[in-house]
Amino acid sequence: MLNNTAKLLGLKGESAETFFADSSDFENWAVEAIKNVSAIKNKEGIALMLGVGENKFLPKMNYTREQAYITIYRLYDMCK
């Protein structure tokens, strides 16, 4: 959903070559979306989605409210 929203807003990643240590856990249908949202960066170079640290994305982990707030704030900030 976030990838579709970013596309609708005209946000594109500069390079979709972001790799995560746990990329083998990505579902096939999600790979391109994960690459895109982690490649979209703001003026300071901070990605729309960064993962959870230690170069991990943890795609099967629950997405917390705090993570959602930060992601939506970054999305808003990139559209100003």
N, C-alpha and C. Protein backbone atom coordinates (compact mmCIF):
# COMPACT_ATOMS: atom_id res chain seq x y z
N MET A 1 0.82 -1.19 0.00
CA MET A 1 0.00 0.00 0.00
C MET A 1 0.86 1.26 0.00
N LEU A 2 1.92 1.23 0.78
CA LEU A 2 2.79 2.41 0.85
C LEU A 2 3.46 2.66 -0.50
N ASN A 3 3.89 1.60 -1.15
CA ASN A 3 4.50 1.75 -2.47
C ASN A 3 3.51 2.35 -3.46
N ASN A 4 2.27 1.89 -3.45
CA ASN A 4 1.25 2.44 -4.34
C ASN A 4 0.97 3.91 -4.03
N THR A 5 0.93 4.27 -2.75
CA THR A 5 0.72 5.66 -2.35
C THR A 5 1.87 6.53 -2.84
N ALA A 6 3.10 6.04 -2.66
CA ALA A 6 4.27 6.80 -3.11
C ALA A 6 4.23 7.01 -4.62
N LYS A 7 3.85 5.98 -5.36
CA LYS A 7 3.75 6.12 -6.82
C LYS A 7 2.69 7.15 -7.19
N LEU A 8 1.55 7.09 -6.52
CA LEU A 8 0.47 8.03 -6.79
C LEU A 8 0.91 9.47 -6.54
N LEU A 9 1.77 9.67 -5.53
CA LEU A 9 2.27 11.00 -5.20
C LEU A 9 3.47 11.40 -6.06
N GLY A 10 3.89 10.51 -6.94
CA GLY A 10 5.01 10.82 -7.83
C GLY A 10 6.38 10.64 -7.21
N LEU A 11 6.46 9.91 -6.11
CA LEU A 11 7.74 9.67 -5.45
C LEU A 11 8.38 8.42 -6.03
N LYS A 12 9.65 8.54 -6.39
CA LYS A 12 10.38 7.40 -6.95
C LYS A 12 11.74 7.31 -6.30
N GLY A 13 12.19 6.10 -6.11
CA GLY A 13 13.53 5.89 -5.57
C GLY A 13 14.58 6.14 -6.63
N GLU A 14 15.73 6.66 -6.20
CA GLU A 14 16.82 6.90 -7.14
C GLU A 14 17.43 5.60 -7.62
N SER A 15 17.55 4.65 -6.72
CA SER A 15 18.12 3.36 -7.06
C SER A 15 17.39 2.30 -6.26
N ALA A 16 16.87 1.32 -6.93
CA ALA A 16 16.13 0.25 -6.25
C ALA A 16 17.05 -0.91 -5.90
N GLU A 17 18.29 -0.61 -5.53
CA GLU A 17 19.25 -1.66 -5.23
C GLU A 17 19.54 -1.80 -3.74
N THR A 18 18.59 -1.43 -2.89
CA THR A 18 18.78 -1.59 -1.45
C THR A 18 18.58 -3.05 -1.09
N PHE A 19 19.57 -3.62 -0.44
CA PHE A 19 19.47 -5.03 -0.05
C PHE A 19 19.45 -5.13 1.47
N PHE A 20 18.64 -6.03 1.96
CA PHE A 20 18.57 -6.29 3.39
C PHE A 20 19.09 -7.70 3.65
N ALA A 21 19.69 -7.89 4.83
CA ALA A 21 20.25 -9.18 5.19
C ALA A 21 19.20 -10.28 5.21
N ASP A 22 17.95 -9.91 5.47
CA ASP A 22 16.87 -10.91 5.53
C ASP A 22 16.00 -10.92 4.28
N SER A 23 16.56 -10.52 3.15
CA SER A 23 15.78 -10.44 1.91
C SER A 23 15.24 -11.79 1.47
N SER A 24 15.82 -12.88 1.96
CA SER A 24 15.29 -14.20 1.62
C SER A 24 13.93 -14.44 2.26
N ASP A 25 13.56 -13.62 3.25
CA ASP A 25 12.25 -13.72 3.90
C ASP A 25 11.16 -12.94 3.16
N PHE A 26 11.52 -12.17 2.14
CA PHE A 26 10.55 -11.38 1.39
C PHE A 26 9.69 -12.30 0.53
N GLU A 27 8.41 -12.03 0.50
CA GLU A 27 7.54 -12.73 -0.43
C GLU A 27 7.84 -12.21 -1.83
N ASN A 28 7.73 -13.07 -2.82
CA ASN A 28 8.06 -12.67 -4.20
C ASN A 28 7.28 -11.45 -4.65
N TRP A 29 6.01 -11.36 -4.28
CA TRP A 29 5.17 -10.26 -4.73
C TRP A 29 5.57 -8.93 -4.08
N ALA A 30 6.33 -8.97 -2.98
CA ALA A 30 6.66 -7.75 -2.24
C ALA A 30 8.06 -7.21 -2.53
N VAL A 31 8.87 -7.96 -3.22
CA VAL A 31 10.28 -7.58 -3.41
C VAL A 31 10.43 -6.20 -4.04
N GLU A 32 9.78 -5.94 -5.15
CA GLU A 32 9.93 -4.65 -5.83
C GLU A 32 9.40 -3.50 -4.98
N ALA A 33 8.30 -3.71 -4.27
CA ALA A 33 7.75 -2.66 -3.42
C ALA A 33 8.71 -2.33 -2.28
N ILE A 34 9.30 -3.34 -1.68
CA ILE A 34 10.26 -3.11 -0.59
C ILE A 34 11.48 -2.36 -1.11
N LYS A 35 11.97 -2.77 -2.26
CA LYS A 35 13.12 -2.07 -2.85
C LYS A 35 12.79 -0.61 -3.13
N ASN A 36 11.58 -0.36 -3.65
CA ASN A 36 11.21 1.00 -4.00
C ASN A 36 11.06 1.89 -2.76
N VAL A 37 10.32 1.45 -1.76
CA VAL A 37 10.09 2.32 -0.59
C VAL A 37 11.37 2.52 0.23
N SER A 38 12.32 1.61 0.11
CA SER A 38 13.59 1.83 0.81
C SER A 38 14.55 2.66 -0.03
N ALA A 39 14.23 2.89 -1.31
CA ALA A 39 15.08 3.71 -2.18
C ALA A 39 14.58 5.15 -2.28
N ILE A 40 13.34 5.41 -1.88
CA ILE A 40 12.81 6.77 -1.90
C ILE A 40 13.40 7.52 -0.71
N LYS A 41 14.11 8.60 -0.99
CA LYS A 41 14.79 9.33 0.09
C LYS A 41 14.38 10.80 0.11
N ASN A 42 14.40 11.37 1.30
CA ASN A 42 14.10 12.81 1.44
C ASN A 42 15.36 13.62 1.16
N LYS A 43 15.28 14.94 1.38
CA LYS A 43 16.42 15.83 1.10
C LYS A 43 17.66 15.49 1.92
N GLU A 44 17.44 14.94 3.11
CA GLU A 44 18.56 14.58 3.99
C GLU A 44 19.09 13.18 3.71
N GLY A 45 18.48 12.48 2.77
CA GLY A 45 18.94 11.13 2.42
C GLY A 45 18.33 10.02 3.26
N ILE A 46 17.27 10.34 4.01
CA ILE A 46 16.61 9.34 4.85
C ILE A 46 15.53 8.66 4.03
N ALA A 47 15.56 7.34 4.01
CA ALA A 47 14.61 6.57 3.21
C ALA A 47 13.22 6.60 3.82
N LEU A 48 12.22 6.43 2.97
CA LEU A 48 10.84 6.35 3.42
C LEU A 48 10.67 5.20 4.41
N MET A 49 11.25 4.06 4.11
CA MET A 49 11.29 2.93 5.05
C MET A 49 12.74 2.48 5.16
N LEU A 50 13.22 2.38 6.39
CA LEU A 50 14.62 2.05 6.63
C LEU A 50 14.86 0.61 7.05
N GLY A 51 13.85 -0.09 7.48
CA GLY A 51 14.05 -1.38 8.11
C GLY A 51 14.12 -1.18 9.62
N VAL A 52 14.56 -2.21 10.32
CA VAL A 52 14.53 -2.14 11.78
C VAL A 52 15.91 -2.09 12.42
N GLY A 53 16.94 -1.98 11.63
CA GLY A 53 18.30 -1.92 12.14
C GLY A 53 19.06 -3.18 11.79
N GLU A 54 20.37 -3.13 11.93
CA GLU A 54 21.25 -4.25 11.62
C GLU A 54 21.02 -4.77 10.20
N ASN A 55 20.67 -3.85 9.28
CA ASN A 55 20.42 -4.18 7.88
C ASN A 55 19.31 -5.21 7.70
N LYS A 56 18.31 -5.17 8.59
CA LYS A 56 17.18 -6.09 8.50
C LYS A 56 15.89 -5.32 8.26
N PHE A 57 15.00 -5.94 7.51
CA PHE A 57 13.69 -5.36 7.22
C PHE A 57 12.59 -6.03 8.05
N LEU A 58 12.77 -7.30 8.35
CA LEU A 58 11.81 -8.11 9.11
C LEU A 58 10.39 -8.00 8.54
N PRO A 59 10.18 -8.50 7.34
CA PRO A 59 8.89 -8.34 6.67
C PRO A 59 7.73 -9.07 7.35
N LYS A 60 8.03 -10.02 8.21
CA LYS A 60 6.94 -10.78 8.84
C LYS A 60 6.65 -10.29 10.26
N MET A 61 7.36 -9.25 10.68
CA MET A 61 7.14 -8.66 11.99
C MET A 61 5.90 -7.75 11.95
N ASN A 62 5.20 -7.63 13.05
CA ASN A 62 4.07 -6.69 13.11
C ASN A 62 4.59 -5.27 12.97
N TYR A 63 3.84 -4.45 12.27
CA TYR A 63 4.18 -3.05 12.05
C TYR A 63 3.54 -2.25 13.17
N THR A 64 4.34 -1.58 13.98
CA THR A 64 3.83 -0.89 15.16
C THR A 64 3.21 0.46 14.80
N ARG A 65 2.44 0.98 15.72
CA ARG A 65 1.85 2.31 15.51
C ARG A 65 2.95 3.35 15.35
N GLU A 66 3.99 3.23 16.16
CA GLU A 66 5.09 4.19 16.10
C GLU A 66 5.75 4.16 14.72
N GLN A 67 5.96 2.97 14.17
CA GLN A 67 6.55 2.86 12.84
C GLN A 67 5.62 3.49 11.80
N ALA A 68 4.33 3.27 11.95
CA ALA A 68 3.36 3.86 11.02
C ALA A 68 3.39 5.38 11.10
N TYR A 69 3.45 5.94 12.30
CA TYR A 69 3.49 7.40 12.46
C TYR A 69 4.72 7.97 11.76
N ILE A 70 5.87 7.35 11.99
CA ILE A 70 7.12 7.84 11.40
C ILE A 70 7.07 7.75 9.88
N THR A 71 6.57 6.64 9.37
CA THR A 71 6.49 6.45 7.92
C THR A 71 5.56 7.48 7.29
N ILE A 72 4.39 7.69 7.88
CA ILE A 72 3.44 8.66 7.33
C ILE A 72 4.02 10.07 7.43
N TYR A 73 4.73 10.38 8.52
CA TYR A 73 5.36 11.69 8.64
C TYR A 73 6.40 11.88 7.53
N ARG A 74 7.22 10.86 7.30
CA ARG A 74 8.23 10.96 6.23
C ARG A 74 7.56 11.15 4.88
N LEU A 75 6.49 10.43 4.64
CA LEU A 75 5.76 10.56 3.39
C LEU A 75 5.22 11.98 3.22
N TYR A 76 4.64 12.51 4.28
CA TYR A 76 4.13 13.89 4.27
C TYR A 76 5.25 14.88 4.00
N ASP A 77 6.38 14.69 4.69
CA ASP A 77 7.52 15.60 4.56
C ASP A 77 8.09 15.57 3.13
N MET A 78 8.06 14.43 2.48
CA MET A 78 8.59 14.33 1.13
C MET A 78 7.67 15.00 0.10
N CYS A 79 6.44 15.23 0.48
CA CYS A 79 5.47 15.81 -0.46
C CYS A 79 5.33 17.31 -0.29
N LYS A 80 6.04 17.90 0.66
CA LYS A 80 5.91 19.35 0.88
C LYS A 80 6.60 20.12 -0.22
